[in-house]
Amino acid sequence: MDADRSRIQRLKEKVLTPGELYMIIGMLTALRVSHDSADKRLASQVDTYPLNQGQISVFTEELLKLSLEQPRITAWDVYNVATEIYKPGKTDFPAMIPQNGAMADFLLSYNQN
């Protein structure tokens, strides 16, 4: 539990620039494209993508709206935008937990840099 709290705190402390937000959207798109590629060299690099293409569109729109409402966006805010997508009726039930885990891993690894 302490490790989880520490991870959450790191995400809350990481303030993202607009450029970083766009880079995250691009990286999520690249993960999705790689995963779905017919080229096994690309597909084998991504086990589970955090968001599918339709979800990336919703995610991007919600991030853009959030940036109009608040001047400071953290990695935790980005994670919360994604978790709103991981709800029954918005995401296929079998994909909810793996995608959520993939998003957390993605943001935590991005936050290491």
N, C-alpha and C. Protein backbone atom coordinates (compact mmCIF):
# COMPACT_ATOMS: atom_id res chain seq x y z
N MET A 1 0.82 -1.18 0.00
CA MET A 1 0.00 0.00 0.00
C MET A 1 0.87 1.27 0.00
N ASP A 2 1.97 1.21 0.75
CA ASP A 2 2.89 2.35 0.77
C ASP A 2 3.48 2.60 -0.61
N ALA A 3 3.80 1.53 -1.33
CA ALA A 3 4.35 1.67 -2.68
C ALA A 3 3.32 2.32 -3.60
N ASP A 4 2.06 1.91 -3.49
CA ASP A 4 1.01 2.51 -4.30
C ASP A 4 0.84 3.99 -3.99
N ARG A 5 0.85 4.34 -2.72
CA ARG A 5 0.73 5.74 -2.32
C ARG A 5 1.91 6.57 -2.86
N SER A 6 3.08 5.97 -2.84
CA SER A 6 4.26 6.66 -3.35
C SER A 6 4.13 6.90 -4.85
N ARG A 7 3.64 5.91 -5.58
CA ARG A 7 3.44 6.06 -7.03
C ARG A 7 2.43 7.16 -7.32
N ILE A 8 1.34 7.16 -6.59
CA ILE A 8 0.31 8.18 -6.78
C ILE A 8 0.88 9.57 -6.50
N GLN A 9 1.66 9.68 -5.45
CA GLN A 9 2.26 10.97 -5.10
C GLN A 9 3.20 11.45 -6.21
N ARG A 10 3.98 10.53 -6.78
CA ARG A 10 4.87 10.91 -7.89
C ARG A 10 4.06 11.45 -9.08
N LEU A 11 2.94 10.79 -9.38
CA LEU A 11 2.10 11.24 -10.48
C LEU A 11 1.48 12.60 -10.18
N LYS A 12 1.09 12.83 -8.95
CA LYS A 12 0.50 14.11 -8.56
C LYS A 12 1.53 15.24 -8.61
N GLU A 13 2.77 14.93 -8.36
CA GLU A 13 3.83 15.95 -8.35
C GLU A 13 4.36 16.29 -9.73
N LYS A 14 4.14 15.41 -10.71
CA LYS A 14 4.66 15.64 -12.06
C LYS A 14 3.72 16.55 -12.85
N VAL A 15 4.09 17.81 -12.96
CA VAL A 15 3.33 18.77 -13.75
C VAL A 15 3.80 18.64 -15.20
N LEU A 16 2.84 18.54 -16.11
CA LEU A 16 3.16 18.33 -17.52
C LEU A 16 3.00 19.62 -18.32
N THR A 17 3.93 19.86 -19.21
CA THR A 17 3.82 20.99 -20.12
C THR A 17 2.86 20.61 -21.25
N PRO A 18 2.34 21.60 -21.99
CA PRO A 18 1.50 21.26 -23.15
C PRO A 18 2.24 20.34 -24.13
N GLY A 19 3.53 20.58 -24.34
CA GLY A 19 4.31 19.72 -25.23
C GLY A 19 4.37 18.29 -24.74
N GLU A 20 4.50 18.11 -23.44
CA GLU A 20 4.51 16.76 -22.87
C GLU A 20 3.17 16.07 -23.03
N LEU A 21 2.07 16.84 -22.90
CA LEU A 21 0.74 16.25 -23.11
C LEU A 21 0.60 15.75 -24.54
N TYR A 22 1.04 16.55 -25.49
CA TYR A 22 0.96 16.13 -26.90
C TYR A 22 1.88 14.94 -27.16
N MET A 23 3.03 14.92 -26.51
CA MET A 23 3.94 13.79 -26.67
C MET A 23 3.30 12.51 -26.11
N ILE A 24 2.63 12.61 -24.98
CA ILE A 24 1.95 11.45 -24.40
C ILE A 24 0.89 10.93 -25.35
N ILE A 25 0.10 11.83 -25.93
CA ILE A 25 -0.93 11.42 -26.90
C ILE A 25 -0.27 10.71 -28.08
N GLY A 26 0.81 11.26 -28.57
CA GLY A 26 1.53 10.63 -29.69
C GLY A 26 2.10 9.27 -29.32
N MET A 27 2.64 9.17 -28.11
CA MET A 27 3.20 7.89 -27.67
C MET A 27 2.10 6.84 -27.52
N LEU A 28 0.95 7.25 -26.99
CA LEU A 28 -0.17 6.31 -26.87
C LEU A 28 -0.64 5.84 -28.24
N THR A 29 -0.66 6.76 -29.20
CA THR A 29 -1.03 6.39 -30.57
C THR A 29 -0.02 5.41 -31.16
N ALA A 30 1.27 5.67 -30.95
CA ALA A 30 2.31 4.78 -31.46
C ALA A 30 2.21 3.39 -30.83
N LEU A 31 1.90 3.32 -29.55
CA LEU A 31 1.72 2.01 -28.89
C LEU A 31 0.56 1.25 -29.52
N ARG A 32 -0.55 1.96 -29.77
CA ARG A 32 -1.71 1.31 -30.37
C ARG A 32 -1.40 0.83 -31.78
N VAL A 33 -0.75 1.66 -32.57
CA VAL A 33 -0.40 1.29 -33.94
C VAL A 33 0.56 0.10 -33.94
N SER A 34 1.56 0.12 -33.08
CA SER A 34 2.50 -0.99 -32.99
C SER A 34 1.79 -2.28 -32.62
N HIS A 35 0.95 -2.22 -31.61
CA HIS A 35 0.22 -3.41 -31.15
C HIS A 35 -0.61 -4.04 -32.25
N ASP A 36 -1.29 -3.20 -33.04
CA ASP A 36 -2.21 -3.69 -34.07
C ASP A 36 -1.54 -3.93 -35.42
N SER A 37 -0.24 -3.69 -35.51
CA SER A 37 0.46 -3.83 -36.78
C SER A 37 0.53 -5.28 -37.24
N ALA A 38 0.46 -5.46 -38.55
CA ALA A 38 0.66 -6.79 -39.13
C ALA A 38 2.13 -7.19 -39.10
N ASP A 39 3.00 -6.20 -38.93
CA ASP A 39 4.44 -6.45 -38.84
C ASP A 39 4.74 -6.94 -37.42
N LYS A 40 5.13 -8.18 -37.31
CA LYS A 40 5.37 -8.79 -36.00
C LYS A 40 6.50 -8.12 -35.23
N ARG A 41 7.41 -7.46 -35.94
CA ARG A 41 8.48 -6.74 -35.25
C ARG A 41 7.90 -5.61 -34.39
N LEU A 42 6.83 -5.02 -34.87
CA LEU A 42 6.17 -3.95 -34.12
C LEU A 42 5.19 -4.52 -33.11
N ALA A 43 4.37 -5.44 -33.57
CA ALA A 43 3.31 -5.99 -32.71
C ALA A 43 3.87 -6.69 -31.48
N SER A 44 5.02 -7.32 -31.61
CA SER A 44 5.59 -8.07 -30.49
C SER A 44 6.15 -7.16 -29.40
N GLN A 45 6.26 -5.87 -29.69
CA GLN A 45 6.82 -4.93 -28.70
C GLN A 45 5.79 -4.44 -27.69
N VAL A 46 4.50 -4.63 -27.98
CA VAL A 46 3.44 -4.10 -27.12
C VAL A 46 2.45 -5.20 -26.78
N ASP A 47 2.42 -5.60 -25.51
CA ASP A 47 1.48 -6.63 -25.08
C ASP A 47 0.05 -6.09 -25.02
N THR A 48 -0.14 -4.99 -24.33
CA THR A 48 -1.46 -4.38 -24.17
C THR A 48 -1.30 -2.88 -24.32
N TYR A 49 -2.12 -2.28 -25.17
CA TYR A 49 -2.06 -0.83 -25.27
C TYR A 49 -2.98 -0.21 -24.23
N PRO A 50 -2.60 0.97 -23.74
CA PRO A 50 -3.43 1.63 -22.74
C PRO A 50 -4.78 2.09 -23.29
N LEU A 51 -4.81 2.51 -24.55
CA LEU A 51 -6.04 3.01 -25.17
C LEU A 51 -6.11 2.57 -26.62
N ASN A 52 -7.32 2.20 -27.08
CA ASN A 52 -7.48 1.92 -28.50
C ASN A 52 -7.70 3.25 -29.23
N GLN A 53 -7.84 3.21 -30.55
CA GLN A 53 -7.89 4.46 -31.32
C GLN A 53 -9.08 5.33 -30.94
N GLY A 54 -10.25 4.73 -30.79
CA GLY A 54 -11.42 5.50 -30.39
C GLY A 54 -11.24 6.12 -29.01
N GLN A 55 -10.63 5.35 -28.10
CA GLN A 55 -10.39 5.86 -26.75
C GLN A 55 -9.37 6.99 -26.77
N ILE A 56 -8.37 6.91 -27.65
CA ILE A 56 -7.38 7.98 -27.76
C ILE A 56 -8.05 9.29 -28.18
N SER A 57 -9.03 9.20 -29.07
CA SER A 57 -9.76 10.41 -29.48
C SER A 57 -10.53 11.02 -28.31
N VAL A 58 -11.23 10.19 -27.56
CA VAL A 58 -11.96 10.67 -26.38
C VAL A 58 -10.99 11.24 -25.35
N PHE A 59 -9.91 10.51 -25.09
CA PHE A 59 -8.88 10.92 -24.15
C PHE A 59 -8.30 12.29 -24.53
N THR A 60 -7.98 12.47 -25.80
CA THR A 60 -7.41 13.73 -26.28
C THR A 60 -8.41 14.87 -26.10
N GLU A 61 -9.66 14.64 -26.47
CA GLU A 61 -10.68 15.68 -26.31
C GLU A 61 -10.83 16.08 -24.84
N GLU A 62 -10.86 15.08 -23.96
CA GLU A 62 -11.00 15.37 -22.53
C GLU A 62 -9.79 16.11 -21.97
N LEU A 63 -8.59 15.77 -22.43
CA LEU A 63 -7.39 16.50 -22.01
C LEU A 63 -7.41 17.94 -22.49
N LEU A 64 -7.86 18.15 -23.73
CA LEU A 64 -7.96 19.51 -24.26
C LEU A 64 -8.95 20.33 -23.45
N LYS A 65 -10.09 19.74 -23.11
CA LYS A 65 -11.08 20.46 -22.29
C LYS A 65 -10.52 20.75 -20.90
N LEU A 66 -9.82 19.77 -20.33
CA LEU A 66 -9.23 19.96 -19.01
C LEU A 66 -8.21 21.10 -19.02
N SER A 67 -7.45 21.19 -20.10
CA SER A 67 -6.43 22.24 -20.19
C SER A 67 -7.07 23.63 -20.29
N LEU A 68 -8.31 23.71 -20.74
CA LEU A 68 -9.02 24.98 -20.75
C LEU A 68 -9.51 25.36 -19.35
N GLU A 69 -9.77 24.34 -18.54
CA GLU A 69 -10.33 24.56 -17.21
C GLU A 69 -9.27 24.80 -16.14
N GLN A 70 -8.12 24.19 -16.29
CA GLN A 70 -7.08 24.36 -15.29
C GLN A 70 -5.73 24.53 -15.97
N PRO A 71 -4.95 25.49 -15.50
CA PRO A 71 -3.68 25.80 -16.15
C PRO A 71 -2.58 24.77 -15.89
N ARG A 72 -2.72 24.01 -14.84
CA ARG A 72 -1.69 23.06 -14.42
C ARG A 72 -2.25 21.64 -14.48
N ILE A 73 -1.67 20.81 -15.33
CA ILE A 73 -2.13 19.42 -15.46
C ILE A 73 -0.99 18.51 -15.03
N THR A 74 -1.32 17.57 -14.16
CA THR A 74 -0.33 16.62 -13.67
C THR A 74 -0.51 15.26 -14.34
N ALA A 75 0.47 14.41 -14.15
CA ALA A 75 0.37 13.03 -14.65
C ALA A 75 -0.82 12.32 -13.98
N TRP A 76 -1.12 12.68 -12.74
CA TRP A 76 -2.28 12.11 -12.04
C TRP A 76 -3.58 12.52 -12.74
N ASP A 77 -3.67 13.77 -13.18
CA ASP A 77 -4.85 14.23 -13.94
C ASP A 77 -5.01 13.42 -15.22
N VAL A 78 -3.89 13.18 -15.90
CA VAL A 78 -3.91 12.40 -17.14
C VAL A 78 -4.42 10.99 -16.85
N TYR A 79 -3.92 10.38 -15.78
CA TYR A 79 -4.38 9.04 -15.40
C TYR A 79 -5.87 9.05 -15.12
N ASN A 80 -6.35 10.07 -14.43
CA ASN A 80 -7.78 10.13 -14.11
C ASN A 80 -8.65 10.31 -15.34
N VAL A 81 -8.17 11.06 -16.32
CA VAL A 81 -8.91 11.19 -17.58
C VAL A 81 -9.05 9.80 -18.22
N ALA A 82 -7.97 9.03 -18.20
CA ALA A 82 -8.01 7.68 -18.78
C ALA A 82 -8.94 6.77 -18.00
N THR A 83 -8.91 6.85 -16.66
CA THR A 83 -9.75 5.93 -15.87
C THR A 83 -11.23 6.19 -16.09
N GLU A 84 -11.58 7.41 -16.49
CA GLU A 84 -12.99 7.68 -16.83
C GLU A 84 -13.42 6.88 -18.06
N ILE A 85 -12.46 6.55 -18.89
CA ILE A 85 -12.75 5.75 -20.10
C ILE A 85 -12.88 4.28 -19.75
N TYR A 86 -12.20 3.84 -18.69
CA TYR A 86 -12.22 2.43 -18.29
C TYR A 86 -13.43 2.14 -17.41
N LYS A 87 -14.60 2.34 -17.94
CA LYS A 87 -15.84 2.10 -17.22
C LYS A 87 -16.72 1.16 -18.05
N PRO A 88 -17.53 0.35 -17.38
CA PRO A 88 -18.46 -0.49 -18.13
C PRO A 88 -19.31 0.37 -19.07
N GLY A 89 -19.46 -0.10 -20.28
CA GLY A 89 -20.21 0.64 -21.28
C GLY A 89 -19.32 1.53 -22.14
N LYS A 90 -18.15 1.89 -21.62
CA LYS A 90 -17.20 2.69 -22.39
C LYS A 90 -16.03 1.85 -22.88
N THR A 91 -15.73 0.78 -22.16
CA THR A 91 -14.63 -0.13 -22.49
C THR A 91 -15.14 -1.55 -22.36
N ASP A 92 -14.71 -2.42 -23.27
CA ASP A 92 -15.06 -3.82 -23.16
C ASP A 92 -14.57 -4.35 -21.82
N PHE A 93 -15.43 -5.06 -21.10
CA PHE A 93 -15.11 -5.50 -19.76
C PHE A 93 -13.77 -6.24 -19.66
N PRO A 94 -13.47 -7.21 -20.55
CA PRO A 94 -12.19 -7.92 -20.43
C PRO A 94 -10.97 -7.03 -20.62
N ALA A 95 -11.13 -5.88 -21.26
CA ALA A 95 -10.00 -5.00 -21.53
C ALA A 95 -9.77 -3.97 -20.42
N MET A 96 -10.74 -3.77 -19.54
CA MET A 96 -10.66 -2.69 -18.56
C MET A 96 -9.43 -2.79 -17.66
N ILE A 97 -9.23 -3.91 -17.03
CA ILE A 97 -8.12 -4.04 -16.09
C ILE A 97 -6.77 -4.05 -16.80
N PRO A 98 -6.61 -4.83 -17.89
CA PRO A 98 -5.31 -4.79 -18.58
C PRO A 98 -4.96 -3.40 -19.12
N GLN A 99 -5.94 -2.70 -19.68
CA GLN A 99 -5.67 -1.36 -20.22
C GLN A 99 -5.34 -0.38 -19.09
N ASN A 100 -6.05 -0.47 -18.00
CA ASN A 100 -5.78 0.40 -16.86
C ASN A 100 -4.36 0.17 -16.34
N GLY A 101 -3.98 -1.09 -16.21
CA GLY A 101 -2.62 -1.42 -15.78
C GLY A 101 -1.58 -0.92 -16.75
N ALA A 102 -1.87 -1.05 -18.05
CA ALA A 102 -0.94 -0.58 -19.08
C ALA A 102 -0.79 0.95 -19.01
N MET A 103 -1.88 1.66 -18.73
CA MET A 103 -1.80 3.12 -18.61
C MET A 103 -0.97 3.52 -17.39
N ALA A 104 -1.22 2.86 -16.27
CA ALA A 104 -0.44 3.16 -15.06
C ALA A 104 1.04 2.91 -15.30
N ASP A 105 1.36 1.76 -15.90
CA ASP A 105 2.76 1.45 -16.20
C ASP A 105 3.37 2.48 -17.14
N PHE A 106 2.61 2.87 -18.16
CA PHE A 106 3.08 3.86 -19.14
C PHE A 106 3.40 5.18 -18.45
N LEU A 107 2.46 5.70 -17.64
CA LEU A 107 2.68 6.99 -16.99
C LEU A 107 3.79 6.93 -15.95
N LEU A 108 3.89 5.83 -15.24
CA LEU A 108 4.96 5.71 -14.24
C LEU A 108 6.32 5.62 -14.93
N SER A 109 6.39 4.91 -16.05
CA SER A 109 7.67 4.82 -16.76
C SER A 109 8.00 6.16 -17.40
N TYR A 110 7.01 6.88 -17.90
CA TYR A 110 7.23 8.21 -18.47
C TYR A 110 7.71 9.16 -17.37
N ASN A 111 7.15 9.02 -16.19
CA ASN A 111 7.48 9.90 -15.06
C ASN A 111 8.88 9.63 -14.52
N GLN A 112 9.49 8.52 -14.89
CA GLN A 112 10.86 8.23 -14.47
C GLN A 112 11.87 9.12 -15.17
N ASN A 113 11.49 9.60 -16.35
CA ASN A 113 12.42 10.40 -17.17
C ASN A 113 12.50 11.83 -16.69
